[in-house]
Amino acid sequence: MTDSVAGTPPQVTTEYGTVRGAVERGVAVFRGIPYAAAPVGARRFRAPGPPEPWTGVREAVAYGPTAPKRPYAPPLDRLLPDPAVPGDAWLNLNVWTPSPVPDRAARLPVLVWIHGGSLVHGSSAVPVYDGSAFARDGVVLVSVNYRLGVEGFGVFPDAPANRGLLDQLAALEWVRDNIAAFGGAPDRVTVAGESAGAISIAGLLAAPRSAGLFGRAVLQSGAPAALPPDAARGTTELIAKRLGVPATAAALAAVDPQALLTAQSEVTSGGNPLTGRHSFQLVVDGDLLPQDPAAALEAGASAGVDLLLGTNTDEYRLWFVPGGLTEKIGQLKLRLALLKFRVPNATARTYRANRPDATPGEFLGALATDLLLRVPLNRLADARTHAPGATYVYEFGWPTPVQRLGACHALELGFVFDTLAHPDTQALTGPHAPQELADAMHRAWVDFAAGGNPGWPTWDARRPVRFFARDDRDGPAVVLAPRDDELRSWQPYRNAS
């Protein structure tokens, strides 16, 4: 039931109670709706349970509590604003829908957004993820909070693994059961995410329990990845060792939450997704994830789900440039990194030939970007060439003028959400990013969610890639097999071709 009387705040009745939102910029928004019970007390380190129903009308104007986290370390904190909202009810979501709220007969497409942040940062309250433009264009946008760090992804002998992923599944089940009341169609759901959000979505695609919860998926700058339990529990054990307690859920549940968060930050600090360090990962737990997501997807898991996937040209520059790592990497560190990454000699020669003026840091960054992101995503696209679900590949190449970051990791987000005007978006894009490019990229995501076709050819033997760059006023730029010599020089990629 919805309240669409002109001039009154919109109200929607869900399975658990009625929520009252607000009309902002011409669309209806409902924030902080609980989709699961607060994961505290006896529910800590457990699978999510349903929220407690409420009576009366629940105000849903402000963002709900965010999962425990610390801000990005300087200098990234200035580029990636990450608001924190206090409280225990972290498992909440937000809904943007047209105003007045459509009735159930509208059956609008739905896009569920899962944020990134290396599984230790981020939330649905990040202003860049404002869903107003999607609702304006006829797509119901849902953004989700989930447990982070050791709370969501620590590996224990006495607790289920992948709790943050279980949270995301619970949110998708809430969408299935409730989104019709907001005008959305539960059988027209697209799940989308960036970085750790995209890695999570790859896990959802590989999880048999997700069948039927979504029909399309968007993976932005994140590839299928998970670790065996023995490898994944190392980060948890280091945190427990620093605290002087056993590496069990029962022991860590007795630790002061702020002390636990401090220990987590100390163990995971100093690394990044490209250079690697103690971090949290999805786990091949034999239950939710029966096998490695990359292997599962390449073997045909979720073959009927339409995929839109891609990367940014200079992903590495967000992690290398602000702290001066690009300049700190000399020839010796480069050689050691090539050995660590097991980069074939032929691959290194190909990349060097294509980048004769690159510094050692730039050279390593390009290799790491492709090895960890572009190669596995292209490999996934190749494996799906004959799948019933369509596959579309993009590359985002507009270079930001901010700090020589180029087309770095996370830069595309303000374009996808059409939030270039927000100051938090401009921290990464600068104040004069091309609106025409945002119009084109946002429209592609809207069209994919609405009808499964973002506006360029599906992936096949020609390897068509939609290249988003500059102001896009000259129309779509589709490039066939860009930098294919580099991709094919990687042994794992060649074996998969």
Protein backbone atom coordinates (compact mmCIF):
# COMPACT_ATOMS: atom_id res chain seq x y z
CA MET A 1 0.00 0.00 0.00
CA THR A 2 1.36 3.42 -0.94
CA ASP A 3 0.43 6.96 -0.04
CA SER A 4 0.54 9.11 -3.17
CA VAL A 5 -1.55 12.09 -2.07
CA ALA A 6 0.05 15.25 -3.43
CA GLY A 7 2.04 17.15 -0.84
CA THR A 8 2.19 14.35 1.73
CA PRO A 9 5.29 12.26 2.47
CA PRO A 10 5.17 8.91 0.67
CA GLN A 11 4.33 5.82 2.72
CA VAL A 12 4.82 2.17 1.78
CA THR A 13 3.81 -0.93 3.72
CA THR A 14 6.37 -3.74 3.71
CA GLU A 15 6.15 -7.25 5.19
CA TYR A 16 7.52 -5.90 8.46
CA GLY A 17 5.70 -2.59 8.79
CA THR A 18 5.00 0.75 7.16
CA VAL A 19 7.77 3.22 6.28
CA ARG A 20 7.49 6.93 5.58
CA GLY A 21 10.01 8.49 3.19
CA ALA A 22 10.41 11.83 1.49
CA VAL A 23 10.21 13.37 -1.94
CA GLU A 24 13.56 14.80 -3.04
CA ARG A 25 14.39 16.20 -6.46
CA GLY A 26 11.12 14.81 -7.77
CA VAL A 27 11.59 11.18 -6.67
CA ALA A 28 10.54 9.26 -3.58
CA VAL A 29 13.32 8.02 -1.29
CA PHE A 30 13.16 5.69 1.71
CA ARG A 31 16.35 5.31 3.75
CA GLY A 32 17.49 3.00 6.50
CA ILE A 33 14.89 0.25 6.08
CA PRO A 34 15.97 -2.85 8.04
CA TYR A 35 16.13 -5.99 5.92
CA ALA A 36 17.58 -8.18 8.71
CA ALA A 37 17.95 -8.10 12.47
CA ALA A 38 20.81 -6.11 14.02
CA PRO A 39 23.89 -8.42 14.04
CA VAL A 40 24.80 -7.71 17.65
CA GLY A 41 24.53 -9.60 20.93
CA ALA A 42 23.52 -13.21 20.38
CA ARG A 43 23.28 -12.57 16.62
CA ARG A 44 26.90 -11.44 16.27
CA PHE A 45 28.95 -13.55 13.84
CA ARG A 46 25.79 -15.47 12.88
CA ALA A 47 23.84 -15.71 9.65
CA PRO A 48 21.36 -12.85 9.26
CA GLY A 49 17.87 -13.29 10.68
CA PRO A 50 14.67 -11.43 9.75
CA PRO A 51 14.07 -7.97 11.21
CA GLU A 52 11.62 -7.41 14.04
CA PRO A 53 8.26 -6.19 12.71
CA TRP A 54 7.09 -2.80 13.96
CA THR A 55 3.74 -1.15 14.51
CA GLY A 56 2.81 2.34 13.42
CA VAL A 57 4.81 4.22 10.82
CA ARG A 58 8.62 4.09 10.79
CA GLU A 59 10.42 7.22 9.61
CA ALA A 60 12.73 6.37 6.70
CA VAL A 61 14.27 9.72 5.81
CA ALA A 62 17.83 9.42 7.20
CA TYR A 63 20.45 6.83 6.26
CA GLY A 64 20.60 3.94 8.68
CA PRO A 65 23.65 2.90 10.71
CA THR A 66 26.73 1.84 8.78
CA ALA A 67 28.80 -1.23 9.55
CA PRO A 68 31.80 -0.66 11.86
CA LYS A 69 34.73 0.66 9.86
CA ARG A 70 37.50 3.21 9.88
CA PRO A 71 37.97 5.95 7.27
CA TYR A 72 40.34 5.41 4.40
CA ALA A 73 43.88 6.26 5.42
CA PRO A 74 45.35 9.54 4.13
CA PRO A 75 45.63 10.59 1.36
CA LEU A 76 42.81 8.37 0.07
CA ASP A 77 40.40 9.76 2.66
CA ARG A 78 40.23 13.01 0.68
CA LEU A 79 39.47 11.20 -2.56
CA LEU A 80 37.01 8.63 -1.20
CA PRO A 81 34.72 10.25 1.40
CA ASP A 82 33.20 7.47 3.52
CA PRO A 83 30.53 8.70 5.97
CA ALA A 84 29.84 6.74 9.14
CA VAL A 85 26.41 6.60 10.82
CA PRO A 86 26.37 5.32 14.43
CA GLY A 87 24.08 2.54 15.61
CA ASP A 88 23.77 -1.25 15.69
CA ALA A 89 21.15 -1.90 13.00
CA TRP A 90 23.68 -2.01 10.17
CA LEU A 91 21.69 -4.37 7.97
CA ASN A 92 19.53 -1.79 6.25
CA LEU A 93 18.86 -0.58 2.74
CA ASN A 94 17.58 2.44 0.83
CA VAL A 95 15.02 2.67 -1.97
CA TRP A 96 14.62 5.37 -4.62
CA THR A 97 11.51 5.16 -6.80
CA PRO A 98 9.47 7.60 -8.92
CA SER A 99 7.08 10.00 -7.20
CA PRO A 100 4.27 9.45 -6.60
CA VAL A 101 5.21 5.90 -5.63
CA PRO A 102 3.98 3.65 -8.44
CA ASP A 103 1.53 0.88 -7.63
CA ARG A 104 2.33 -2.80 -8.08
CA ALA A 105 1.06 -2.77 -11.66
CA ALA A 106 3.96 -0.52 -12.72
CA ARG A 107 6.46 -3.41 -12.54
CA LEU A 108 9.48 -1.15 -12.95
CA PRO A 109 12.97 -2.60 -13.38
CA VAL A 110 15.03 -2.76 -10.18
CA LEU A 111 18.76 -2.22 -9.71
CA VAL A 112 20.29 -3.37 -6.39
CA TRP A 113 23.62 -1.67 -5.64
CA ILE A 114 26.33 -3.39 -3.57
CA HIS A 115 29.08 -0.96 -2.60
CA GLY A 116 32.82 -1.56 -2.74
CA GLY A 117 35.60 -0.75 -0.29
CA SER A 118 37.86 -3.84 -0.05
CA LEU A 119 35.26 -5.43 2.28
CA VAL A 120 36.39 -3.07 5.08
CA HIS A 121 35.18 0.36 3.87
CA GLY A 122 32.13 1.89 2.25
CA SER A 123 28.37 1.94 2.81
CA SER A 124 25.13 2.76 1.05
CA ALA A 125 25.30 6.26 2.59
CA VAL A 126 28.12 7.37 0.26
CA PRO A 127 26.63 10.38 -1.60
CA VAL A 128 28.04 9.25 -4.96
CA TYR A 129 25.52 6.37 -4.82
CA ASP A 130 22.45 8.60 -4.64
CA GLY A 131 19.81 6.75 -6.65
CA SER A 132 17.74 9.76 -7.73
CA ALA A 133 18.83 9.65 -11.37
CA PHE A 134 17.85 5.99 -11.70
CA ALA A 135 14.40 6.64 -10.21
CA ARG A 136 14.07 9.70 -12.45
CA ASP A 137 14.66 7.41 -15.43
CA GLY A 138 12.22 4.71 -14.36
CA VAL A 139 14.46 2.28 -12.46
CA VAL A 140 13.89 1.50 -8.78
CA LEU A 141 17.33 1.79 -7.12
CA VAL A 142 18.06 -0.17 -3.94
CA SER A 143 21.39 0.30 -2.12
CA VAL A 144 22.49 -2.10 0.59
CA ASN A 145 24.66 -2.14 3.73
CA TYR A 146 26.31 -5.40 4.76
CA ARG A 147 28.77 -6.51 7.45
CA LEU A 148 32.39 -5.59 6.78
CA GLY A 149 35.81 -6.74 7.91
CA VAL A 150 36.08 -9.38 10.60
CA GLU A 151 32.37 -9.00 11.43
CA GLY A 152 31.36 -10.01 7.91
CA PHE A 153 34.30 -11.93 6.49
CA GLY A 154 36.44 -13.20 9.35
CA VAL A 155 36.90 -16.99 9.19
CA PHE A 156 36.12 -18.90 12.38
CA PRO A 157 35.65 -22.55 13.35
CA ASP A 158 32.48 -21.66 15.28
CA ALA A 159 30.64 -19.34 12.87
CA PRO A 160 29.42 -19.45 9.26
CA ALA A 161 31.78 -18.06 6.65
CA ASN A 162 30.89 -15.30 4.16
CA ARG A 163 28.48 -13.58 6.56
CA GLY A 164 28.64 -10.36 4.55
CA LEU A 165 27.64 -12.32 1.45
CA LEU A 166 24.80 -13.91 3.41
CA ASP A 167 23.70 -10.37 4.32
CA GLN A 168 23.58 -9.47 0.63
CA LEU A 169 21.48 -12.56 -0.09
CA ALA A 170 19.10 -11.56 2.71
CA ALA A 171 18.78 -8.09 1.16
CA LEU A 172 17.97 -9.63 -2.23
CA GLU A 173 15.35 -11.83 -0.59
CA TRP A 174 13.85 -8.69 1.00
CA VAL A 175 13.76 -7.12 -2.48
CA ARG A 176 12.02 -10.22 -3.87
CA ASP A 177 9.36 -10.06 -1.15
CA ASN A 178 8.86 -6.29 -0.81
CA ILE A 179 9.94 -4.33 -3.87
CA ALA A 180 6.55 -4.60 -5.60
CA ALA A 181 5.15 -2.28 -2.92
CA PHE A 182 7.57 0.40 -4.21
CA GLY A 183 6.54 -0.14 -7.84
CA GLY A 184 9.37 -2.53 -8.70
CA ALA A 185 9.11 -5.92 -10.37
CA PRO A 186 10.71 -8.75 -8.33
CA ASP A 187 11.40 -10.68 -11.54
CA ARG A 188 13.20 -7.71 -13.20
CA VAL A 189 16.10 -7.34 -10.76
CA THR A 190 19.65 -6.40 -11.76
CA VAL A 191 22.38 -6.59 -9.11
CA ALA A 192 25.33 -4.23 -9.61
CA GLY A 193 28.50 -3.39 -7.74
CA GLU A 194 32.01 -2.02 -8.00
CA SER A 195 35.34 -3.36 -6.70
CA ALA A 196 34.56 -5.51 -3.63
CA GLY A 197 30.90 -5.11 -4.59
CA ALA A 198 31.62 -6.69 -7.98
CA ILE A 199 33.64 -9.47 -6.32
CA SER A 200 30.63 -10.07 -4.07
CA ILE A 201 28.33 -10.24 -7.07
CA ALA A 202 30.61 -12.80 -8.71
CA GLY A 203 30.21 -14.81 -5.51
CA LEU A 204 26.44 -14.43 -5.67
CA LEU A 205 26.47 -15.58 -9.30
CA ALA A 206 28.38 -18.69 -8.21
CA ALA A 207 26.14 -19.38 -5.19
CA PRO A 208 23.31 -21.83 -5.91
CA ARG A 209 21.20 -20.11 -3.22
CA SER A 210 20.95 -16.95 -5.34
CA ALA A 211 19.03 -18.64 -8.15
CA GLY A 212 15.96 -16.63 -9.10
CA LEU A 213 16.87 -13.53 -7.09
CA PHE A 214 18.18 -11.56 -10.10
CA GLY A 215 18.31 -11.93 -13.86
CA ARG A 216 21.11 -9.50 -14.71
CA ALA A 217 24.36 -8.46 -13.08
CA VAL A 218 26.91 -5.66 -13.44
CA LEU A 219 30.55 -6.19 -12.41
CA GLN A 220 32.54 -2.94 -12.31
CA SER A 221 36.29 -3.28 -11.65
CA GLY A 222 36.01 -6.50 -9.68
CA ALA A 223 36.68 -10.07 -10.80
CA PRO A 224 35.58 -13.47 -9.44
CA ALA A 225 37.80 -14.42 -6.51
CA ALA A 226 37.71 -16.46 -3.31
CA LEU A 227 40.17 -18.30 -1.09
CA PRO A 228 40.17 -21.75 0.52
CA PRO A 229 39.37 -21.54 4.25
CA ASP A 230 42.95 -22.33 5.34
CA ALA A 231 44.29 -19.40 3.29
CA ALA A 232 41.46 -17.02 4.19
CA ARG A 233 41.67 -17.43 7.97
CA GLY A 234 45.16 -15.93 8.16
CA THR A 235 43.88 -12.37 8.54
CA THR A 236 41.50 -13.40 11.31
CA GLU A 237 44.29 -15.22 13.14
CA LEU A 238 46.56 -12.17 12.97
CA ILE A 239 43.82 -9.98 14.45
CA ALA A 240 43.20 -12.47 17.26
CA LYS A 241 46.93 -12.75 17.95
CA ARG A 242 47.22 -8.97 18.21
CA LEU A 243 44.37 -9.00 20.74
CA GLY A 244 45.77 -11.96 22.65
CA VAL A 245 42.68 -14.15 22.26
CA PRO A 246 41.84 -17.38 20.36
CA ALA A 247 40.78 -16.96 16.73
CA THR A 248 37.17 -17.93 17.42
CA ALA A 249 33.92 -16.06 17.07
CA ALA A 250 33.18 -16.61 20.75
CA ALA A 251 36.49 -15.06 21.82
CA LEU A 252 36.29 -12.05 19.49
CA ALA A 253 32.66 -11.42 20.43
CA ALA A 254 33.89 -10.73 23.97
CA VAL A 255 36.39 -8.09 22.78
CA ASP A 256 35.46 -4.40 22.92
CA PRO A 257 34.20 -3.53 19.40
CA GLN A 258 36.50 -0.51 19.09
CA ALA A 259 39.53 -2.56 20.16
CA LEU A 260 38.60 -5.17 17.57
CA LEU A 261 38.27 -2.51 14.90
CA THR A 262 41.65 -1.04 15.87
CA ALA A 263 43.34 -4.44 15.61
CA GLN A 264 41.66 -5.04 12.26
CA SER A 265 42.89 -1.70 10.92
CA GLU A 266 46.45 -2.37 12.11
CA VAL A 267 46.55 -5.78 10.46
CA THR A 268 45.05 -4.71 7.13
CA SER A 269 46.67 -1.27 6.77
CA GLY A 270 49.45 -0.51 4.33
CA GLY A 271 48.23 -2.62 1.44
CA ASN A 272 45.86 -2.20 -1.46
CA PRO A 273 43.88 -4.46 -3.78
CA LEU A 274 46.66 -4.46 -6.40
CA THR A 275 49.79 -4.91 -4.30
CA GLY A 276 48.18 -7.35 -1.89
CA ARG A 277 48.45 -7.61 1.89
CA HIS A 278 46.49 -9.12 4.74
CA SER A 279 42.89 -8.62 3.67
CA PHE A 280 39.43 -10.12 3.81
CA GLN A 281 38.22 -12.30 0.97
CA LEU A 282 35.26 -14.48 0.07
CA VAL A 283 35.76 -18.08 1.18
CA VAL A 284 35.11 -21.33 -0.68
CA ASP A 285 33.21 -22.73 2.28
CA GLY A 286 31.61 -25.80 0.68
CA ASP A 287 28.17 -24.43 1.54
CA LEU A 288 27.27 -21.01 0.21
CA LEU A 289 30.24 -21.16 -2.21
CA PRO A 290 30.79 -24.81 -3.12
CA GLN A 291 33.70 -23.94 -5.42
CA ASP A 292 35.87 -21.04 -6.55
CA PRO A 293 33.59 -18.45 -8.22
CA ALA A 294 35.84 -18.09 -11.27
CA ALA A 295 35.82 -21.83 -11.89
CA ALA A 296 32.07 -22.04 -11.24
CA LEU A 297 31.23 -19.22 -13.64
CA GLU A 298 33.55 -20.47 -16.35
CA ALA A 299 31.90 -23.90 -15.98
CA GLY A 300 28.46 -22.41 -16.59
CA ALA A 301 27.08 -21.20 -13.25
CA SER A 302 24.44 -18.47 -13.81
CA ALA A 303 24.86 -18.95 -17.57
CA GLY A 304 21.37 -17.57 -18.13
CA VAL A 305 22.05 -14.30 -16.28
CA ASP A 306 22.90 -11.32 -18.50
CA LEU A 307 26.24 -9.73 -17.58
CA LEU A 308 27.67 -6.24 -18.04
CA LEU A 309 31.30 -6.08 -16.95
CA GLY A 310 34.38 -3.97 -17.38
CA THR A 311 37.28 -2.02 -15.96
CA ASN A 312 38.89 1.41 -15.96
CA THR A 313 41.99 1.96 -18.06
CA ASP A 314 44.24 3.13 -15.21
CA GLU A 315 42.77 1.27 -12.23
CA TYR A 316 46.12 1.15 -10.42
CA ARG A 317 46.60 4.89 -10.27
CA LEU A 318 44.16 5.33 -7.37
CA TRP A 319 46.40 3.10 -5.24
CA PHE A 320 49.84 4.01 -6.63
CA VAL A 321 49.73 7.75 -7.32
CA PRO A 322 48.36 9.59 -4.23
CA GLY A 323 50.94 8.14 -1.85
CA GLY A 324 53.83 8.40 -4.31
CA LEU A 325 54.17 4.66 -4.85
CA THR A 326 54.54 5.15 -8.59
CA GLU A 327 57.78 7.05 -8.07
CA LYS A 328 59.03 4.72 -5.31
CA ILE A 329 59.04 1.68 -7.56
CA GLY A 330 62.43 1.35 -9.27
CA GLN A 331 63.88 -1.37 -11.44
CA LEU A 332 64.75 -3.66 -8.52
CA LYS A 333 61.25 -3.48 -7.00
CA LEU A 334 59.82 -3.99 -10.45
CA ARG A 335 61.86 -7.15 -11.01
CA LEU A 336 60.83 -8.53 -7.62
CA ALA A 337 57.17 -7.77 -8.36
CA LEU A 338 57.38 -9.51 -11.74
CA LEU A 339 58.66 -12.60 -9.94
CA LYS A 340 55.94 -12.36 -7.27
CA PHE A 341 53.19 -12.02 -9.86
CA ARG A 342 54.83 -14.72 -12.01
CA VAL A 343 54.62 -12.50 -15.06
CA PRO A 344 55.80 -14.39 -18.15
CA ASN A 345 58.80 -12.84 -19.89
CA ALA A 346 56.87 -12.61 -23.14
CA THR A 347 54.09 -10.70 -21.36
CA ALA A 348 56.54 -8.21 -19.87
CA ARG A 349 58.12 -7.64 -23.30
CA THR A 350 54.72 -7.04 -24.91
CA TYR A 351 53.67 -4.49 -22.30
CA ARG A 352 57.05 -2.75 -22.44
CA ALA A 353 56.91 -2.52 -26.23
CA ASN A 354 53.49 -0.89 -26.00
CA ARG A 355 54.65 1.53 -23.26
CA PRO A 356 58.20 2.57 -24.12
CA ASP A 357 58.05 5.71 -21.98
CA ALA A 358 56.41 4.20 -18.89
CA THR A 359 58.25 4.43 -15.57
CA PRO A 360 58.77 1.17 -13.62
CA GLY A 361 55.81 2.10 -11.39
CA GLU A 362 53.52 2.80 -14.34
CA PHE A 363 54.66 -0.37 -16.04
CA LEU A 364 53.95 -2.47 -12.94
CA GLY A 365 50.59 -0.78 -12.42
CA ALA A 366 49.44 -1.61 -15.94
CA LEU A 367 50.48 -5.24 -15.49
CA ALA A 368 48.76 -5.51 -12.09
CA THR A 369 45.56 -3.89 -13.39
CA ASP A 370 45.27 -6.41 -16.19
CA LEU A 371 46.39 -9.46 -14.22
CA LEU A 372 43.97 -8.89 -11.36
CA LEU A 373 41.03 -7.28 -13.17
CA ARG A 374 40.98 -7.08 -16.94
CA VAL A 375 42.35 -10.54 -17.76
CA PRO A 376 39.96 -12.52 -15.51
CA LEU A 377 36.95 -10.48 -16.65
CA ASN A 378 37.84 -11.02 -20.31
CA ARG A 379 38.37 -14.68 -19.55
CA LEU A 380 34.88 -14.84 -17.99
CA ALA A 381 33.40 -13.11 -21.04
CA ASP A 382 35.10 -15.62 -23.35
CA ALA A 383 33.75 -18.55 -21.32
CA ARG A 384 30.22 -17.18 -21.78
CA THR A 385 30.41 -16.70 -25.55
CA HIS A 386 27.79 -19.39 -26.18
CA ALA A 387 25.85 -18.98 -22.92
CA PRO A 388 22.12 -18.24 -23.08
CA GLY A 389 22.68 -15.02 -21.13
CA ALA A 390 24.15 -12.05 -23.00
CA THR A 391 27.54 -10.59 -22.06
CA TYR A 392 28.60 -6.98 -22.61
CA VAL A 393 32.07 -5.53 -21.94
CA TYR A 394 33.05 -1.89 -21.40
CA GLU A 395 36.17 0.10 -20.57
CA PHE A 396 36.10 3.51 -18.89
CA GLY A 397 38.95 5.69 -20.12
CA TRP A 398 38.21 9.33 -19.25
CA PRO A 399 41.20 10.71 -17.32
CA THR A 400 40.45 12.89 -14.32
CA PRO A 401 42.55 16.05 -13.92
CA VAL A 402 42.79 15.38 -10.17
CA GLN A 403 46.32 14.47 -9.00
CA ARG A 404 47.30 12.83 -12.30
CA LEU A 405 45.05 9.91 -11.45
CA GLY A 406 44.01 9.19 -15.04
CA ALA A 407 41.10 6.80 -15.53
CA CYS A 408 41.61 5.33 -12.07
CA HIS A 409 39.69 2.87 -9.92
CA ALA A 410 36.24 4.11 -8.80
CA LEU A 411 36.26 7.12 -11.14
CA GLU A 412 33.35 5.80 -13.21
CA LEU A 413 30.93 5.76 -10.26
CA GLY A 414 29.81 9.37 -10.51
CA PHE A 415 29.12 8.84 -14.21
CA VAL A 416 27.09 5.66 -13.66
CA PHE A 417 24.96 7.33 -10.97
CA ASP A 418 24.87 10.71 -12.73
CA THR A 419 26.05 12.43 -9.55
CA LEU A 420 28.83 14.58 -11.03
CA ALA A 421 27.47 17.70 -9.31
CA HIS A 422 28.00 16.37 -5.79
CA PRO A 423 31.14 17.63 -3.99
CA ASP A 424 32.03 14.10 -2.86
CA THR A 425 32.01 12.94 -6.47
CA GLN A 426 34.12 15.93 -7.48
CA ALA A 427 36.80 14.94 -4.99
CA LEU A 428 37.79 12.37 -7.61
CA THR A 429 36.45 13.82 -10.87
CA GLY A 430 37.17 17.52 -10.34
CA PRO A 431 34.48 20.16 -10.94
CA HIS A 432 34.29 20.02 -14.73
CA ALA A 433 33.76 16.36 -15.62
CA PRO A 434 31.85 15.95 -18.92
CA GLN A 435 28.11 15.62 -18.31
CA GLU A 436 27.68 14.16 -21.80
CA LEU A 437 29.76 11.17 -20.76
CA ALA A 438 27.66 10.73 -17.61
CA ASP A 439 24.52 10.90 -19.74
CA ALA A 440 25.83 8.12 -21.98
CA MET A 441 27.12 5.85 -19.23
CA HIS A 442 24.11 6.26 -16.95
CA ARG A 443 21.79 5.61 -19.90
CA ALA A 444 23.64 2.39 -20.70
CA TRP A 445 23.13 1.12 -17.13
CA VAL A 446 19.45 2.15 -17.20
CA ASP A 447 18.89 0.40 -20.52
CA PHE A 448 20.67 -2.74 -19.33
CA ALA A 449 18.52 -2.89 -16.18
CA ALA A 450 15.34 -2.20 -18.15
CA GLY A 451 15.83 -4.44 -21.16
CA GLY A 452 19.17 -6.24 -20.99
CA ASN A 453 20.84 -4.27 -23.80
CA PRO A 454 23.16 -1.37 -22.85
CA GLY A 455 23.50 -0.23 -26.46
CA TRP A 456 26.44 -2.06 -28.06
CA PRO A 457 27.10 -5.56 -29.47
CA THR A 458 27.26 -8.60 -27.22
CA TRP A 459 30.62 -10.27 -26.61
CA ASP A 460 31.66 -12.76 -29.29
CA ALA A 461 34.82 -13.79 -31.13
CA ARG A 462 35.33 -10.18 -32.24
CA ARG A 463 35.53 -9.03 -28.58
CA PRO A 464 33.60 -5.74 -28.88
CA VAL A 465 34.29 -3.27 -26.05
CA ARG A 466 32.32 -0.09 -25.46
CA PHE A 467 34.92 2.56 -24.67
CA PHE A 468 33.63 5.43 -22.51
CA ALA A 469 35.96 8.40 -22.81
CA ARG A 470 36.04 12.18 -23.31
CA ASP A 471 32.64 13.78 -23.74
CA ASP A 472 31.05 11.04 -25.89
CA ARG A 473 29.42 13.61 -28.17
CA ASP A 474 30.54 11.75 -31.29
CA GLY A 475 28.38 8.74 -30.45
CA PRO A 476 29.20 5.26 -29.21
CA ALA A 477 32.81 4.15 -29.58
CA VAL A 478 33.01 0.37 -29.91
CA VAL A 479 36.52 -1.02 -30.21
CA LEU A 480 37.15 -4.59 -31.30
CA ALA A 481 39.65 -6.55 -29.19
CA PRO A 482 41.53 -3.57 -27.68
CA ARG A 483 45.11 -4.37 -26.60
CA ASP A 484 44.49 -7.99 -27.48
CA ASP A 485 48.21 -8.72 -27.81
CA GLU A 486 48.61 -7.92 -24.12
CA LEU A 487 45.66 -10.02 -23.01
CA ARG A 488 46.77 -13.03 -25.01
CA SER A 489 50.30 -12.84 -23.65
CA TRP A 490 49.10 -14.02 -20.22
CA GLN A 491 49.39 -17.79 -20.02
CA PRO A 492 46.16 -18.39 -18.07
CA TYR A 493 44.28 -16.22 -20.56
CA ARG A 494 45.79 -18.02 -23.54
CA ASN A 495 44.83 -21.41 -22.08
CA ALA A 496 41.24 -20.24 -21.72
CA SER A 497 40.94 -18.93 -25.27
